[in-house]
Structures are given as structure tokens and as C-alpha cells.
Amino acid sequence: MQAVVLAGGKGTRLAERLNGRPKPLIDVAGVPLLERQILFLRHYGVDDVVVLVNHKAEQIVEYCREREDFGIRLTLVDDGDPRGTAGAVLATLDRLAERFLVVYGDTMLNVDIGRFVAAHRQSGADATLFLHPNDHPFDSDLVELDGDRIVAFHAKPHPPGSDLQNMVNAALYVVEKSALERWADFTTPADFAHDLFPAMLTAGQRLGGYVSFEYVKDLGTPRRL
């Protein structure tokens, strides 16, 4: 299994805690976040990880080299000019497997990856999004489901009085490469949640929703960290 880790962000909101490091190397209880993510993925049998880097990429390259790439096939790709989450993956399609995970570089995870991927395969979806309720749906982008199929995205801010389910995109995906190839020329910068996934839905592609209370937490601010 292959995973793509989106680790190119500057971490502007975490600047006071970074001490000159890039965001993927933020300290989480004594261990850099990127190391926690890679070891987590390795635990679930992911043996091929592509890390898309940008800001202070040389520090990430050196860190991984010192740890002998964590004993897996580890490829670091500097994605150049910022292209957004979807744009960065689309620009790297020629390096990616037929099916791959997408992991955001500012999330802590405790998810049964095998079960998540199995549900995706069984559904036949072009991409499956890990979904969960959170404690701030009022300022989150919400997802509407029909069974296990995504039928709409509701971007924040939500209209006053709107009645929407607390179901949030947790920024963890399983994606079929073949489903993205038609979008290779998609205008960038482009975000998965705001741009590419809604476009895929409009085009009739099947997006699955995997609802779980397993732990996925965005630690992109000092408070969340």
C-alpha cells in the first residue's frame, strides 16, 4: 500500500511553536509529527510513502536521511510552487500507485487503515473520504451522505438556520489513480475539499463516505496541538 503525505505547508499558525522547523517536524510529546505519521502507516502495512514537501524541505530531507527512511520506501518530492492539496497530488500522479492513501501533514491519526481501505474497495468508489462529527461544525465544511455515498458538500460559513448533519471531512482519503487522471489539467492551486471533490461529484464520479469515531485530529494551531 502507498500513502501520500501532504507536508508542504508553512505552518503560519504554529509559528510560535516551530522554533525554525517546518510544520511536519513539529514536536508532539517528544516526537516529530511526520515520524509519528510514518510509523503509524508502517504499522498498518504501508511500505511506500511519498512525502510532498516545500517549505524548508531540506530539513525534512535531512531528518528522514538520518533515520534511514524509517525502513520503508520513502520518496520526498519538492512540489515547487504551491499548488494546493489536490494540485500537489495531481502534479505527482506519475509517481503514484493505482490506489493510494492521502494523509494531511498536520493530522494525528489512530485509524484502522486496513478496515478503511477494505471498505473503499468494497464500495467501488473513485475516492473514499474519512468522515466524523467534530466539536466545531459551525465553522467546518460539512458533507451530506446518502447511505455511504457523498451527495453534497456544504462549505462554511453556513446560512443562518441551516439544518445540516455534523459530518466533517477529516482529511484522510483513499483514492483511485484512474479517477484522477481525467483531472490532470485541473486549474491550480486547487484544494481537495473545496475544488476537486465537488468537481468530481458534479461529473458523476462516485465519492464514498466512511464514517468513524476513530481518532483524527488536526493540530494546525497551538490550541489544538
Protein backbone atom coordinates (compact mmCIF):
# COMPACT_ATOMS: atom_id res chain seq x y z
CA MET A 1 0.00 0.00 0.00
CA GLN A 2 1.14 3.50 -0.80
CA ALA A 3 0.44 6.75 1.03
CA VAL A 4 0.97 10.36 0.03
CA VAL A 5 1.68 12.76 2.90
CA LEU A 6 0.98 16.43 2.13
CA ALA A 7 3.77 18.07 4.10
CA GLY A 8 4.45 21.30 2.25
CA GLY A 9 2.63 23.79 4.47
CA LYS A 10 4.38 26.70 6.15
CA GLY A 11 2.60 26.30 9.48
CA THR A 12 1.97 30.02 9.87
CA ARG A 13 -0.48 29.48 12.73
CA LEU A 14 2.07 27.31 14.55
CA ALA A 15 4.99 29.70 14.15
CA GLU A 16 5.39 30.25 17.91
CA ARG A 17 5.87 26.50 18.46
CA LEU A 18 8.03 25.57 15.46
CA ASN A 19 11.33 27.14 16.55
CA GLY A 20 12.53 27.42 12.98
CA ARG A 21 11.42 23.93 11.92
CA PRO A 22 8.98 23.12 9.10
CA LYS A 23 5.46 22.17 10.19
CA PRO A 24 5.86 18.39 9.58
CA LEU A 25 8.62 18.34 12.21
CA ILE A 26 6.50 19.97 14.92
CA ASP A 27 7.18 18.30 18.26
CA VAL A 28 4.31 16.15 19.55
CA ALA A 29 5.18 14.83 23.01
CA GLY A 30 8.84 14.48 22.11
CA VAL A 31 8.44 13.01 18.62
CA PRO A 32 8.10 15.00 15.36
CA LEU A 33 4.66 14.64 13.78
CA LEU A 34 5.99 13.31 10.46
CA GLU A 35 7.78 10.48 12.25
CA ARG A 36 4.59 9.61 14.14
CA GLN A 37 2.66 9.52 10.85
CA ILE A 38 5.19 7.36 9.03
CA LEU A 39 5.48 4.87 11.89
CA PHE A 40 1.69 4.73 12.11
CA LEU A 41 1.41 3.99 8.39
CA ARG A 42 4.19 1.39 8.57
CA HIS A 43 2.32 -0.35 11.41
CA TYR A 44 -0.62 -0.88 9.04
CA GLY A 45 1.49 -2.30 6.25
CA VAL A 46 2.05 0.85 4.22
CA ASP A 47 5.54 0.29 2.83
CA ASP A 48 5.69 3.05 0.21
CA VAL A 49 5.31 6.67 1.34
CA VAL A 50 5.60 9.73 -0.89
CA VAL A 51 6.06 12.93 1.11
CA LEU A 52 5.29 16.14 -0.77
CA VAL A 53 7.48 18.84 0.74
CA ASN A 54 8.06 22.51 0.04
CA HIS A 55 8.73 24.93 2.90
CA LYS A 56 12.16 24.23 4.47
CA ALA A 57 12.26 20.96 2.57
CA GLU A 58 15.97 20.47 3.23
CA GLN A 59 15.32 19.97 6.95
CA ILE A 60 12.78 17.22 6.23
CA VAL A 61 15.12 15.52 3.76
CA GLU A 62 17.94 15.51 6.30
CA TYR A 63 15.70 14.27 9.10
CA CYS A 64 14.50 11.31 7.05
CA ARG A 65 18.02 10.51 5.87
CA GLU A 66 19.26 10.39 9.48
CA ARG A 67 16.58 7.82 10.24
CA GLU A 68 17.39 5.73 7.16
CA ASP A 69 13.95 6.46 5.70
CA PHE A 70 12.30 4.58 8.58
CA GLY A 71 12.96 1.26 6.89
CA ILE A 72 10.40 1.74 4.10
CA ARG A 73 10.41 3.02 0.55
CA LEU A 74 10.32 6.76 1.23
CA THR A 75 10.29 9.34 -1.56
CA LEU A 76 10.42 13.06 -0.87
CA VAL A 77 9.20 15.31 -3.67
CA ASP A 78 9.55 19.09 -3.62
CA ASP A 79 6.35 20.21 -5.32
CA GLY A 80 7.71 23.66 -6.23
CA ASP A 81 5.20 26.49 -6.42
CA PRO A 82 2.27 25.97 -4.03
CA ARG A 83 -0.49 24.12 -5.90
CA GLY A 84 -2.92 23.33 -3.08
CA THR A 85 -3.63 19.88 -1.69
CA ALA A 86 -5.24 18.49 -4.84
CA GLY A 87 -2.90 20.30 -7.21
CA ALA A 88 0.16 18.87 -5.49
CA VAL A 89 -1.15 15.30 -5.84
CA LEU A 90 -2.23 15.80 -9.46
CA ALA A 91 1.25 17.07 -10.31
CA THR A 92 2.74 13.88 -8.84
CA LEU A 93 0.39 11.31 -10.42
CA ASP A 94 3.16 9.67 -12.46
CA ARG A 95 4.84 8.63 -9.18
CA LEU A 96 1.71 7.21 -7.58
CA ALA A 97 0.26 3.71 -7.34
CA GLU A 98 -3.09 2.64 -8.78
CA ARG A 99 -4.63 3.09 -5.32
CA PHE A 100 -3.17 5.27 -2.57
CA LEU A 101 -3.93 6.97 0.72
CA VAL A 102 -3.80 10.74 1.12
CA VAL A 103 -2.71 11.96 4.58
CA TYR A 104 -2.55 15.63 5.52
CA GLY A 105 0.72 16.61 7.15
CA ASP A 106 -0.90 18.31 10.16
CA THR A 107 -3.07 15.45 11.45
CA MET A 108 -2.61 12.92 14.23
CA LEU A 109 -4.16 9.55 13.39
CA ASN A 110 -5.32 6.43 15.18
CA VAL A 111 -7.34 4.68 12.49
CA ASP A 112 -7.56 1.05 11.35
CA ILE A 113 -6.20 1.67 7.86
CA GLY A 114 -6.85 -1.91 6.73
CA ARG A 115 -10.54 -1.63 7.53
CA PHE A 116 -10.77 1.81 5.89
CA VAL A 117 -9.19 0.58 2.64
CA ALA A 118 -11.31 -2.60 2.65
CA ALA A 119 -14.49 -0.51 2.90
CA HIS A 120 -13.31 1.60 -0.03
CA ARG A 121 -12.60 -1.44 -2.17
CA GLN A 122 -15.97 -2.99 -1.37
CA SER A 123 -17.86 0.19 -2.26
CA GLY A 124 -16.26 0.58 -5.69
CA ALA A 125 -15.87 4.33 -5.10
CA ASP A 126 -13.46 6.52 -7.04
CA ALA A 127 -12.37 8.02 -3.72
CA THR A 128 -13.44 7.47 -0.14
CA LEU A 129 -13.31 10.21 2.47
CA PHE A 130 -12.93 9.52 6.18
CA LEU A 131 -15.75 11.41 7.91
CA HIS A 132 -16.60 12.13 11.52
CA PRO A 133 -18.52 14.57 13.70
CA ASN A 134 -16.42 17.24 15.41
CA ASP A 135 -16.83 19.84 18.14
CA HIS A 136 -16.95 22.85 15.79
CA PRO A 137 -19.30 22.02 12.88
CA PHE A 138 -20.44 25.64 12.69
CA ASP A 139 -17.07 26.64 11.18
CA SER A 140 -16.34 23.38 9.34
CA ASP A 141 -17.05 22.26 5.80
CA LEU A 142 -19.83 19.66 6.09
CA VAL A 143 -20.56 16.59 3.97
CA GLU A 144 -24.01 15.26 3.09
CA LEU A 145 -24.48 11.50 2.72
CA ASP A 146 -27.00 9.13 1.21
CA GLY A 147 -26.03 5.83 2.81
CA ASP A 148 -22.29 5.55 2.27
CA ARG A 149 -22.29 7.79 -0.78
CA ILE A 150 -21.48 11.51 -0.68
CA VAL A 151 -24.15 13.58 -2.41
CA ALA A 152 -23.18 17.16 -1.49
CA PHE A 153 -20.58 19.38 0.13
CA HIS A 154 -21.60 22.37 2.25
CA ALA A 155 -18.79 24.88 2.61
CA LYS A 156 -18.58 27.21 5.58
CA PRO A 157 -19.99 29.66 6.51
CA HIS A 158 -23.39 28.00 6.72
CA PRO A 159 -26.58 30.04 6.26
CA PRO A 160 -28.35 31.02 9.50
CA GLY A 161 -30.93 28.41 10.46
CA SER A 162 -29.47 25.73 8.18
CA ASP A 163 -30.17 22.16 9.31
CA LEU A 164 -27.09 20.13 8.39
CA GLN A 165 -25.70 16.96 9.89
CA ASN A 166 -22.48 17.26 11.86
CA MET A 167 -20.40 15.23 9.40
CA VAL A 168 -16.96 16.60 8.64
CA ASN A 169 -14.23 15.72 6.17
CA ALA A 170 -11.31 14.56 8.36
CA ALA A 171 -8.65 14.96 5.61
CA LEU A 172 -7.86 11.26 5.16
CA TYR A 173 -8.69 9.67 1.80
CA VAL A 174 -8.31 6.51 -0.26
CA VAL A 175 -8.09 7.43 -3.94
CA GLU A 176 -8.04 5.54 -7.23
CA LYS A 177 -5.39 6.94 -9.55
CA SER A 178 -7.59 6.26 -12.58
CA ALA A 179 -10.25 8.57 -11.12
CA LEU A 180 -7.81 11.49 -11.01
CA GLU A 181 -6.19 11.09 -14.41
CA ARG A 182 -9.01 12.96 -16.16
CA TRP A 183 -8.28 15.94 -13.88
CA ALA A 184 -4.58 16.22 -14.70
CA ASP A 185 -5.11 19.67 -16.25
CA PHE A 186 -7.33 20.93 -13.43
CA THR A 187 -6.72 24.60 -12.64
CA THR A 188 -4.38 25.05 -9.70
CA PRO A 189 -3.95 25.93 -6.92
CA ALA A 190 -6.76 23.54 -6.04
CA ASP A 191 -7.92 22.05 -2.79
CA PHE A 192 -9.39 18.54 -2.48
CA ALA A 193 -12.32 19.54 -0.28
CA HIS A 194 -13.22 22.88 -1.85
CA ASP A 195 -12.39 22.29 -5.52
CA LEU A 196 -11.58 18.80 -6.79
CA PHE A 197 -14.02 16.63 -4.84
CA PRO A 198 -17.03 18.87 -5.66
CA ALA A 199 -15.96 18.85 -9.33
CA MET A 200 -15.72 15.05 -9.28
CA LEU A 201 -19.19 14.83 -7.74
CA THR A 202 -20.64 17.14 -10.41
CA ALA A 203 -19.00 15.00 -13.09
CA GLY A 204 -20.80 11.92 -11.78
CA GLN A 205 -17.88 10.21 -10.11
CA ARG A 206 -18.61 8.16 -7.00
CA LEU A 207 -17.30 9.52 -3.71
CA GLY A 208 -17.71 7.29 -0.68
CA GLY A 209 -18.09 8.41 2.91
CA TYR A 210 -16.51 6.28 5.64
CA VAL A 211 -17.99 7.35 8.98
CA SER A 212 -15.99 6.50 12.07
CA PHE A 213 -15.32 7.78 15.58
CA GLU A 214 -11.65 6.73 15.34
CA TYR A 215 -9.14 9.44 16.15
CA VAL A 216 -8.17 12.01 13.51
CA LYS A 217 -7.18 15.41 14.84
CA ASP A 218 -5.93 18.49 13.03
CA LEU A 219 -3.21 20.06 15.18
CA GLY A 220 -2.60 23.06 12.97
CA THR A 221 -2.96 25.64 15.76
CA PRO A 222 -1.21 25.95 19.15
CA ARG A 223 -4.50 25.27 20.94
CA ARG A 224 -5.17 22.08 19.00
CA LEU A 225 -1.57 20.96 19.40
